[in-house]
């Protein structure tokens, strides 16, 4: 995970094939989101490469939305001025 001020980007999330189907990917993603919030990030995101676009529904289930090949989610309410 890379943190750059208000934005935190997940670089990779990999679950060993032998361990899949046990909700470990979701637990890891939630832990990454929580870590980003703890650092004060206002936004969390990741990039999907062509070989991983099949994972889009998984990330959407956790609140990320697609922006081209990038997925992001706000971590704090937007400030209204």
PDB file of N, CA and C in Angstrom:
ATOM      1  N   UNK A   1       0.844  -1.157   0.000  1.00  0.00           N
ATOM      2  CA  UNK A   1       0.000   0.000   0.000  1.00  0.00           C
ATOM      3  C   UNK A   1       0.897   1.230   0.000  1.00  0.00           C
ATOM      4  N   UNK A   2       0.526   2.209  -0.782  1.00  0.00           N
ATOM      5  CA  UNK A   2       1.299   3.449  -0.879  1.00  0.00           C
ATOM      6  C   UNK A   2       0.409   4.599  -0.426  1.00  0.00           C
ATOM      7  N   UNK A   3       0.943   5.400   0.489  1.00  0.00           N
ATOM      8  CA  UNK A   3       0.194   6.531   1.035  1.00  0.00           C
ATOM      9  C   UNK A   3       0.822   7.822   0.557  1.00  0.00           C
ATOM     10  N   UNK A   4       0.000   8.688  -0.004  1.00  0.00           N
ATOM     11  CA  UNK A   4       0.517   9.963  -0.505  1.00  0.00           C
ATOM     12  C   UNK A   4      -0.343  11.124  -0.040  1.00  0.00           C
ATOM     13  N   UNK A   5      -0.353  11.377   1.240  1.00  0.00           N
ATOM     14  CA  UNK A   5      -1.150  12.486   1.759  1.00  0.00           C
ATOM     15  C   UNK A   5      -2.598  12.099   1.916  1.00  0.00           C
ATOM     16  N   UNK A   6      -3.469  12.668   1.093  1.00  0.00           N
ATOM     17  CA  UNK A   6      -4.893  12.376   1.245  1.00  0.00           C
ATOM     18  C   UNK A   6      -5.342  11.146   0.450  1.00  0.00           C
ATOM     19  N   UNK A   7      -4.461  10.579  -0.347  1.00  0.00           N
ATOM     20  CA  UNK A   7      -4.813   9.433  -1.188  1.00  0.00           C
ATOM     21  C   UNK A   7      -3.935   8.236  -0.845  1.00  0.00           C
ATOM     22  N   UNK A   8      -4.561   7.088  -0.705  1.00  0.00           N
ATOM     23  CA  UNK A   8      -3.835   5.853  -0.424  1.00  0.00           C
ATOM     24  C   UNK A   8      -4.166   4.854  -1.531  1.00  0.00           C
ATOM     25  N   UNK A   9      -3.134   4.249  -2.111  1.00  0.00           N
ATOM     26  CA  UNK A   9      -3.330   3.323  -3.225  1.00  0.00           C
ATOM     27  C   UNK A   9      -2.893   1.916  -2.848  1.00  0.00           C
ATOM     28  N   UNK A  10      -3.768   0.966  -3.097  1.00  0.00           N
ATOM     29  CA  UNK A  10      -3.445  -0.442  -2.904  1.00  0.00           C
ATOM     30  C   UNK A  10      -2.642  -0.908  -4.113  1.00  0.00           C
ATOM     31  N   UNK A  11      -1.460  -1.395  -3.878  1.00  0.00           N
ATOM     32  CA  UNK A  11      -0.594  -1.845  -4.976  1.00  0.00           C
ATOM     33  C   UNK A  11      -0.953  -3.261  -5.424  1.00  0.00           C
ATOM     34  N   UNK A  12      -1.091  -4.180  -4.491  1.00  0.00           N
ATOM     35  CA  UNK A  12      -1.429  -5.567  -4.832  1.00  0.00           C
ATOM     36  C   UNK A  12      -2.215  -6.196  -3.697  1.00  0.00           C
ATOM     37  N   UNK A  13      -3.133  -7.077  -4.046  1.00  0.00           N
ATOM     38  CA  UNK A  13      -3.851  -7.888  -3.076  1.00  0.00           C
ATOM     39  C   UNK A  13      -3.885  -9.290  -3.669  1.00  0.00           C
ATOM     40  N   UNK A  14      -3.137 -10.181  -3.078  1.00  0.00           N
ATOM     41  CA  UNK A  14      -3.016 -11.534  -3.621  1.00  0.00           C
ATOM     42  C   UNK A  14      -3.310 -12.541  -2.520  1.00  0.00           C
ATOM     43  N   UNK A  15      -4.209 -13.457  -2.810  1.00  0.00           N
ATOM     44  CA  UNK A  15      -4.511 -14.554  -1.894  1.00  0.00           C
ATOM     45  C   UNK A  15      -4.065 -15.845  -2.570  1.00  0.00           C
ATOM     46  N   UNK A  16      -3.315 -16.639  -1.845  1.00  0.00           N
ATOM     47  CA  UNK A  16      -2.846 -17.927  -2.366  1.00  0.00           C
ATOM     48  C   UNK A  16      -4.049 -18.740  -2.848  1.00  0.00           C
ATOM     49  N   UNK A  17      -3.955 -19.337  -4.028  1.00  0.00           N
ATOM     50  CA  UNK A  17      -5.079 -20.118  -4.546  1.00  0.00           C
ATOM     51  C   UNK A  17      -5.594 -21.170  -3.560  1.00  0.00           C
ATOM     52  N   UNK A  18      -4.723 -21.762  -2.783  1.00  0.00           N
ATOM     53  CA  UNK A  18      -5.140 -22.781  -1.816  1.00  0.00           C
ATOM     54  C   UNK A  18      -5.959 -22.188  -0.671  1.00  0.00           C
ATOM     55  N   UNK A  19      -5.873 -20.876  -0.474  1.00  0.00           N
ATOM     56  CA  UNK A  19      -6.579 -20.226   0.636  1.00  0.00           C
ATOM     57  C   UNK A  19      -7.813 -19.456   0.174  1.00  0.00           C
ATOM     58  N   UNK A  20      -8.121 -19.486  -1.105  1.00  0.00           N
ATOM     59  CA  UNK A  20      -9.262 -18.735  -1.629  1.00  0.00           C
ATOM     60  C   UNK A  20     -10.581 -19.364  -1.191  1.00  0.00           C
ATOM     61  N   UNK A  21     -11.624 -18.548  -1.175  1.00  0.00           N
ATOM     62  CA  UNK A  21     -12.942 -19.029  -0.787  1.00  0.00           C
ATOM     63  C   UNK A  21     -13.187 -18.969   0.710  1.00  0.00           C
ATOM     64  N   UNK A  22     -12.302 -18.320   1.449  1.00  0.00           N
ATOM     65  CA  UNK A  22     -12.430 -18.216   2.910  1.00  0.00           C
ATOM     66  C   UNK A  22     -12.604 -16.768   3.363  1.00  0.00           C
ATOM     67  N   UNK A  23     -12.923 -15.893   2.439  1.00  0.00           N
ATOM     68  CA  UNK A  23     -13.117 -14.461   2.722  1.00  0.00           C
ATOM     69  C   UNK A  23     -11.846 -13.741   3.135  1.00  0.00           C
ATOM     70  N   UNK A  24     -10.688 -14.334   2.877  1.00  0.00           N
ATOM     71  CA  UNK A  24      -9.424 -13.699   3.257  1.00  0.00           C
ATOM     72  C   UNK A  24      -9.162 -12.439   2.443  1.00  0.00           C
ATOM     73  N   UNK A  25      -9.511 -12.447   1.170  1.00  0.00           N
ATOM     74  CA  UNK A  25      -9.323 -11.262   0.340  1.00  0.00           C
ATOM     75  C   UNK A  25     -10.113 -10.082   0.883  1.00  0.00           C
ATOM     76  N   UNK A  26     -11.338 -10.333   1.294  1.00  0.00           N
ATOM     77  CA  UNK A  26     -12.158  -9.275   1.874  1.00  0.00           C
ATOM     78  C   UNK A  26     -11.581  -8.756   3.176  1.00  0.00           C
ATOM     79  N   UNK A  27     -11.092  -9.664   4.001  1.00  0.00           N
ATOM     80  CA  UNK A  27     -10.469  -9.247   5.265  1.00  0.00           C
ATOM     81  C   UNK A  27      -9.224  -8.408   5.007  1.00  0.00           C
ATOM     82  N   UNK A  28      -8.427  -8.809   4.027  1.00  0.00           N
ATOM     83  CA  UNK A  28      -7.224  -8.040   3.694  1.00  0.00           C
ATOM     84  C   UNK A  28      -7.585  -6.660   3.146  1.00  0.00           C
ATOM     85  N   UNK A  29      -8.588  -6.609   2.277  1.00  0.00           N
ATOM     86  CA  UNK A  29      -9.005  -5.325   1.715  1.00  0.00           C
ATOM     87  C   UNK A  29      -9.545  -4.409   2.813  1.00  0.00           C
ATOM     88  N   UNK A  30     -10.375  -4.949   3.701  1.00  0.00           N
ATOM     89  CA  UNK A  30     -10.901  -4.146   4.804  1.00  0.00           C
ATOM     90  C   UNK A  30      -9.772  -3.637   5.695  1.00  0.00           C
ATOM     91  N   UNK A  31      -8.761  -4.465   5.947  1.00  0.00           N
ATOM     92  CA  UNK A  31      -7.616  -4.038   6.760  1.00  0.00           C
ATOM     93  C   UNK A  31      -6.851  -2.915   6.068  1.00  0.00           C
ATOM     94  N   UNK A  32      -6.707  -3.006   4.750  1.00  0.00           N
ATOM     95  CA  UNK A  32      -6.013  -1.954   4.001  1.00  0.00           C
ATOM     96  C   UNK A  32      -6.804  -0.648   4.047  1.00  0.00           C
ATOM     97  N   UNK A  33      -8.116  -0.735   3.901  1.00  0.00           N
ATOM     98  CA  UNK A  33      -8.964   0.459   3.973  1.00  0.00           C
ATOM     99  C   UNK A  33      -8.885   1.074   5.365  1.00  0.00           C
ATOM    100  N   UNK A  34      -8.937   0.236   6.396  1.00  0.00           N
ATOM    101  CA  UNK A  34      -8.827   0.733   7.775  1.00  0.00           C
ATOM    102  C   UNK A  34      -7.478   1.397   8.022  1.00  0.00           C
ATOM    103  N   UNK A  35      -6.407   0.825   7.476  1.00  0.00           N
ATOM    104  CA  UNK A  35      -5.070   1.412   7.640  1.00  0.00           C
ATOM    105  C   UNK A  35      -4.999   2.773   6.954  1.00  0.00           C
ATOM    106  N   UNK A  36      -5.629   2.891   5.787  1.00  0.00           N
ATOM    107  CA  UNK A  36      -5.652   4.174   5.076  1.00  0.00           C
ATOM    108  C   UNK A  36      -6.408   5.219   5.888  1.00  0.00           C
ATOM    109  N   UNK A  37      -7.539   4.826   6.455  1.00  0.00           N
ATOM    110  CA  UNK A  37      -8.310   5.745   7.298  1.00  0.00           C
ATOM    111  C   UNK A  37      -7.490   6.179   8.507  1.00  0.00           C
ATOM    112  N   UNK A  38      -6.779   5.231   9.125  1.00  0.00           N
ATOM    113  CA  UNK A  38      -5.975   5.538  10.311  1.00  0.00           C
ATOM    114  C   UNK A  38      -4.865   6.538   9.999  1.00  0.00           C
ATOM    115  N   UNK A  39      -4.376   6.533   8.767  1.00  0.00           N
ATOM    116  CA  UNK A  39      -3.333   7.482   8.357  1.00  0.00           C
ATOM    117  C   UNK A  39      -3.912   8.836   7.963  1.00  0.00           C
ATOM    118  N   UNK A  40      -5.234   8.924   7.946  1.00  0.00           N
ATOM    119  CA  UNK A  40      -5.873  10.187   7.605  1.00  0.00           C
ATOM    120  C   UNK A  40      -6.171  10.371   6.133  1.00  0.00           C
ATOM    121  N   UNK A  41      -6.071   9.304   5.348  1.00  0.00           N
ATOM    122  CA  UNK A  41      -6.363   9.405   3.916  1.00  0.00           C
ATOM    123  C   UNK A  41      -7.836   9.720   3.705  1.00  0.00           C
ATOM    124  N   UNK A  42      -8.115  10.556   2.732  1.00  0.00           N
ATOM    125  CA  UNK A  42      -9.486  10.902   2.384  1.00  0.00           C
ATOM    126  C   UNK A  42     -10.019  10.030   1.257  1.00  0.00           C
ATOM    127  N   UNK A  43      -9.115   9.341   0.564  1.00  0.00           N
ATOM    128  CA  UNK A  43      -9.520   8.523  -0.571  1.00  0.00           C
ATOM    129  C   UNK A  43      -8.614   7.300  -0.666  1.00  0.00           C
ATOM    130  N   UNK A  44      -9.207   6.203  -1.117  1.00  0.00           N
ATOM    131  CA  UNK A  44      -8.511   4.927  -1.253  1.00  0.00           C
ATOM    132  C   UNK A  44      -8.752   4.427  -2.661  1.00  0.00           C
ATOM    133  N   UNK A  45      -7.731   3.904  -3.322  1.00  0.00           N
ATOM    134  CA  UNK A  45      -7.931   3.437  -4.683  1.00  0.00           C
ATOM    135  C   UNK A  45      -6.961   2.361  -5.105  1.00  0.00           C
ATOM    136  N   UNK A  46      -7.170   1.886  -6.319  1.00  0.00           N
ATOM    137  CA  UNK A  46      -6.317   0.868  -6.914  1.00  0.00           C
ATOM    138  C   UNK A  46      -6.502   0.918  -8.421  1.00  0.00           C
ATOM    139  N   UNK A  47      -5.580   0.336  -9.122  1.00  0.00           N
ATOM    140  CA  UNK A  47      -5.680   0.220 -10.577  1.00  0.00           C
ATOM    141  C   UNK A  47      -5.889  -1.240 -10.935  1.00  0.00           C
ATOM    142  N   UNK A  48      -6.799  -1.486 -11.859  1.00  0.00           N
ATOM    143  CA  UNK A  48      -6.986  -2.833 -12.390  1.00  0.00           C
ATOM    144  C   UNK A  48      -6.232  -2.923 -13.708  1.00  0.00           C
ATOM    145  N   UNK A  49      -5.383  -3.921 -13.816  1.00  0.00           N
ATOM    146  CA  UNK A  49      -4.698  -4.163 -15.083  1.00  0.00           C
ATOM    147  C   UNK A  49      -5.545  -5.148 -15.881  1.00  0.00           C
ATOM    148  N   UNK A  50      -5.338  -5.246 -17.185  1.00  0.00           N
ATOM    149  CA  UNK A  50      -6.197  -6.105 -18.005  1.00  0.00           C
ATOM    150  C   UNK A  50      -6.364  -7.533 -17.478  1.00  0.00           C
ATOM    151  N   UNK A  51      -5.332  -8.090 -16.888  1.00  0.00           N
ATOM    152  CA  UNK A  51      -5.441  -9.474 -16.409  1.00  0.00           C
ATOM    153  C   UNK A  51      -6.208  -9.594 -15.097  1.00  0.00           C
ATOM    154  N   UNK A  52      -6.601  -8.465 -14.490  1.00  0.00           N
ATOM    155  CA  UNK A  52      -7.323  -8.539 -13.212  1.00  0.00           C
ATOM    156  C   UNK A  52      -8.693  -7.869 -13.247  1.00  0.00           C
ATOM    157  N   UNK A  53      -9.170  -7.484 -14.427  1.00  0.00           N
ATOM    158  CA  UNK A  53     -10.461  -6.797 -14.483  1.00  0.00           C
ATOM    159  C   UNK A  53     -11.612  -7.691 -14.018  1.00  0.00           C
ATOM    160  N   UNK A  54     -11.418  -8.995 -14.012  1.00  0.00           N
ATOM    161  CA  UNK A  54     -12.458  -9.900 -13.512  1.00  0.00           C
ATOM    162  C   UNK A  54     -12.699  -9.715 -12.010  1.00  0.00           C
ATOM    163  N   UNK A  55     -11.785  -9.018 -11.327  1.00  0.00           N
ATOM    164  CA  UNK A  55     -11.942  -8.766  -9.892  1.00  0.00           C
ATOM    165  C   UNK A  55     -12.787  -7.527  -9.595  1.00  0.00           C
ATOM    166  N   UNK A  56     -13.206  -6.809 -10.620  1.00  0.00           N
ATOM    167  CA  UNK A  56     -13.971  -5.573 -10.432  1.00  0.00           C
ATOM    168  C   UNK A  56     -15.179  -5.769  -9.507  1.00  0.00           C
ATOM    169  N   UNK A  57     -16.032  -6.794  -9.694  1.00  0.00           N
ATOM    170  CA  UNK A  57     -17.186  -6.966  -8.801  1.00  0.00           C
ATOM    171  C   UNK A  57     -16.787  -7.151  -7.327  1.00  0.00           C
ATOM    172  N   UNK A  58     -15.668  -7.808  -7.083  1.00  0.00           N
ATOM    173  CA  UNK A  58     -15.177  -7.979  -5.709  1.00  0.00           C
ATOM    174  C   UNK A  58     -14.926  -6.619  -5.067  1.00  0.00           C
ATOM    175  N   UNK A  59     -14.202  -5.743  -5.754  1.00  0.00           N
ATOM    176  CA  UNK A  59     -13.881  -4.427  -5.200  1.00  0.00           C
ATOM    177  C   UNK A  59     -15.125  -3.550  -5.088  1.00  0.00           C
ATOM    178  N   UNK A  60     -16.044  -3.669  -6.041  1.00  0.00           N
ATOM    179  CA  UNK A  60     -17.286  -2.898  -5.985  1.00  0.00           C
ATOM    180  C   UNK A  60     -18.098  -3.274  -4.752  1.00  0.00           C
ATOM    181  N   UNK A  61     -18.049  -4.538  -4.373  1.00  0.00           N
ATOM    182  CA  UNK A  61     -18.769  -5.009  -3.189  1.00  0.00           C
ATOM    183  C   UNK A  61     -18.309  -4.279  -1.927  1.00  0.00           C
ATOM    184  N   UNK A  62     -17.080  -3.798  -1.928  1.00  0.00           N
ATOM    185  CA  UNK A  62     -16.523  -3.098  -0.769  1.00  0.00           C
ATOM    186  C   UNK A  62     -16.592  -1.580  -0.912  1.00  0.00           C
ATOM    187  N   UNK A  63     -17.288  -1.098  -1.933  1.00  0.00           N
ATOM    188  CA  UNK A  63     -17.541   0.329  -2.062  1.00  0.00           C
ATOM    189  C   UNK A  63     -16.692   1.089  -3.058  1.00  0.00           C
ATOM    190  N   UNK A  64     -15.760   0.423  -3.719  1.00  0.00           N
ATOM    191  CA  UNK A  64     -14.955   1.115  -4.726  1.00  0.00           C
ATOM    192  C   UNK A  64     -15.777   1.274  -6.000  1.00  0.00           C
ATOM    193  N   UNK A  65     -15.561   2.371  -6.684  1.00  0.00           N
ATOM    194  CA  UNK A  65     -16.257   2.625  -7.943  1.00  0.00           C
ATOM    195  C   UNK A  65     -15.235   2.772  -9.056  1.00  0.00           C
ATOM    196  N   UNK A  66     -15.644   2.439 -10.249  1.00  0.00           N
ATOM    197  CA  UNK A  66     -14.744   2.438 -11.394  1.00  0.00           C
ATOM    198  C   UNK A  66     -14.628   3.824 -12.018  1.00  0.00           C
ATOM    199  N   UNK A  67     -13.389   4.236 -12.245  1.00  0.00           N
ATOM    200  CA  UNK A  67     -13.071   5.465 -12.984  1.00  0.00           C
ATOM    201  C   UNK A  67     -12.095   5.047 -14.077  1.00  0.00           C
ATOM    202  N   UNK A  68     -12.607   4.579 -15.209  1.00  0.00           N
ATOM    203  CA  UNK A  68     -11.739   4.001 -16.243  1.00  0.00           C
ATOM    204  C   UNK A  68     -11.219   2.668 -15.731  1.00  0.00           C
ATOM    205  N   UNK A  69      -9.909   2.505 -15.670  1.00  0.00           N
ATOM    206  CA  UNK A  69      -9.320   1.296 -15.109  1.00  0.00           C
ATOM    207  C   UNK A  69      -8.958   1.475 -13.643  1.00  0.00           C
ATOM    208  N   UNK A  70      -9.269   2.630 -13.105  1.00  0.00           N
ATOM    209  CA  UNK A  70      -8.964   2.924 -11.710  1.00  0.00           C
ATOM    210  C   UNK A  70     -10.241   2.802 -10.889  1.00  0.00           C
ATOM    211  N   UNK A  71     -10.104   2.352  -9.663  1.00  0.00           N
ATOM    212  CA  UNK A  71     -11.237   2.286  -8.745  1.00  0.00           C
ATOM    213  C   UNK A  71     -10.860   3.080  -7.507  1.00  0.00           C
ATOM    214  N   UNK A  72     -11.796   3.879  -7.001  1.00  0.00           N
ATOM    215  CA  UNK A  72     -11.547   4.694  -5.809  1.00  0.00           C
ATOM    216  C   UNK A  72     -12.789   4.735  -4.934  1.00  0.00           C
ATOM    217  N   UNK A  73     -12.570   5.154  -3.692  1.00  0.00           N
ATOM    218  CA  UNK A  73     -13.674   5.382  -2.778  1.00  0.00           C
ATOM    219  C   UNK A  73     -13.292   6.485  -1.807  1.00  0.00           C
ATOM    220  N   UNK A  74     -14.243   7.363  -1.433  1.00  0.00           N
ATOM    221  CA  UNK A  74     -13.948   8.366  -0.419  1.00  0.00           C
ATOM    222  C   UNK A  74     -13.932   7.703   0.952  1.00  0.00           C
ATOM    223  N   UNK A  75     -13.076   8.186   1.841  1.00  0.00           N
ATOM    224  CA  UNK A  75     -12.994   7.655   3.195  1.00  0.00           C
ATOM    225  C   UNK A  75     -13.583   8.614   4.215  1.00  0.00           C
ATOM    226  N   UNK A  76     -13.750   9.866   3.837  1.00  0.00           N
ATOM    227  CA  UNK A  76     -14.353  10.867   4.718  1.00  0.00           C
ATOM    228  C   UNK A  76     -15.396  11.620   3.910  1.00  0.00           C
ATOM    229  N   UNK A  77     -16.398  12.170   4.583  1.00  0.00           N
ATOM    230  CA  UNK A  77     -17.381  12.960   3.843  1.00  0.00           C
ATOM    231  C   UNK A  77     -16.717  14.158   3.170  1.00  0.00           C
ATOM    232  N   UNK A  78     -17.197  14.490   2.003  1.00  0.00           N
ATOM    233  CA  UNK A  78     -16.668  15.649   1.278  1.00  0.00           C
ATOM    234  C   UNK A  78     -16.998  16.917   2.046  1.00  0.00           C
ATOM    235  N   UNK A  79     -16.067  17.858   2.042  1.00  0.00           N
ATOM    236  CA  UNK A  79     -16.294  19.143   2.708  1.00  0.00           C
ATOM    237  C   UNK A  79     -17.106  20.042   1.787  1.00  0.00           C
ATOM    238  N   UNK A  80     -18.124  20.659   2.339  1.00  0.00           N
ATOM    239  CA  UNK A  80     -18.954  21.590   1.586  1.00  0.00           C
ATOM    240  C   UNK A  80     -18.550  22.996   1.997  1.00  0.00           C
ATOM    241  N   UNK A  81     -18.223  23.826   1.017  1.00  0.00           N
ATOM    242  CA  UNK A  81     -17.825  25.204   1.337  1.00  0.00           C
ATOM    243  C   UNK A  81     -18.814  26.194   0.785  1.00  0.00           C
TER     244      UNK A  81
END
